[in-house]
Amino acid sequence: MKIQSPKFKIDKIGLQKVGKGLLIGIGGLILTGLEQAIPFINVGEWNPIVLTINSVIVNALRKILVTY
């Protein structure tokens, strides 16, 4: 059975999920910044797409490295 937070309230589990999403987004942002620091990589107008892909990469690495 799926446990959900009451409407307009957030419980500890929901807050943890939001926190993980925030950390994944920040990880993607950091990875994008590192890519832009390398002189021969220029993503230009594709930056939002690259940021999204990097966030997916960070999430995949988290899934691979973290055991439950």
Protein backbone atom coordinates (compact mmCIF):
# COMPACT_ATOMS: atom_id res chain seq x y z
CA MET A 1 0.00 0.00 0.00
CA LYS A 2 1.31 3.42 -0.94
CA ILE A 3 1.54 5.85 1.97
CA GLN A 4 0.76 9.47 1.13
CA SER A 5 1.02 12.69 3.09
CA PRO A 6 -2.22 14.50 3.90
CA LYS A 7 -3.10 17.31 1.52
CA PHE A 8 -1.15 20.56 2.14
CA LYS A 9 1.06 18.84 4.73
CA ILE A 10 4.34 17.02 4.41
CA ASP A 11 5.58 14.22 6.61
CA LYS A 12 9.13 13.09 7.26
CA ILE A 13 9.21 10.66 4.32
CA GLY A 14 7.87 13.31 1.93
CA LEU A 15 10.42 15.81 3.19
CA GLN A 16 13.21 13.28 2.62
CA LYS A 17 12.03 12.74 -0.97
CA VAL A 18 11.99 16.48 -1.60
CA GLY A 19 15.49 16.74 -0.09
CA LYS A 20 16.80 13.95 -2.32
CA GLY A 21 15.33 15.66 -5.38
CA LEU A 22 16.98 18.91 -4.36
CA LEU A 23 20.35 17.21 -3.91
CA ILE A 24 20.01 15.49 -7.30
CA GLY A 25 19.26 18.83 -8.94
CA ILE A 26 22.23 20.47 -7.23
CA GLY A 27 24.44 17.56 -8.29
CA GLY A 28 23.34 18.04 -11.90
CA LEU A 29 24.01 21.76 -11.63
CA ILE A 30 27.53 21.12 -10.26
CA LEU A 31 28.24 18.58 -13.01
CA THR A 32 27.08 21.10 -15.63
CA GLY A 33 29.30 23.78 -14.10
CA LEU A 34 32.28 21.44 -14.20
CA GLU A 35 31.58 20.68 -17.85
CA GLN A 36 31.49 24.39 -18.68
CA ALA A 37 34.81 24.91 -16.89
CA ILE A 38 36.48 22.64 -19.44
CA PRO A 39 37.45 24.94 -22.34
CA PHE A 40 36.72 22.57 -25.23
CA ILE A 41 33.16 21.71 -24.08
CA ASN A 42 30.62 24.35 -25.07
CA VAL A 43 26.94 23.42 -24.75
CA GLY A 44 25.65 26.94 -25.48
CA GLU A 45 21.87 27.05 -25.86
CA TRP A 46 21.58 23.36 -24.91
CA ASN A 47 22.42 24.16 -21.27
CA PRO A 48 18.91 23.34 -19.88
CA ILE A 49 18.93 19.95 -21.61
CA VAL A 50 22.47 19.21 -20.44
CA LEU A 51 21.46 20.14 -16.88
CA THR A 52 18.52 17.74 -17.04
CA ILE A 53 20.67 14.92 -18.41
CA ASN A 54 23.28 15.53 -15.73
CA SER A 55 20.59 15.35 -13.04
CA VAL A 56 19.49 11.99 -14.44
CA ILE A 57 23.11 10.81 -14.39
CA VAL A 58 23.48 11.88 -10.75
CA ASN A 59 20.25 10.07 -9.85
CA ALA A 60 21.39 6.90 -11.65
CA LEU A 61 24.71 6.99 -9.80
CA ARG A 62 22.84 7.43 -6.52
CA LYS A 63 20.69 4.38 -7.30
CA ILE A 64 23.76 2.30 -8.21
CA LEU A 65 25.91 3.32 -5.24
CA VAL A 66 23.31 3.41 -2.45
CA THR A 67 22.05 0.17 -0.98
CA TYR A 68 18.82 0.02 0.96
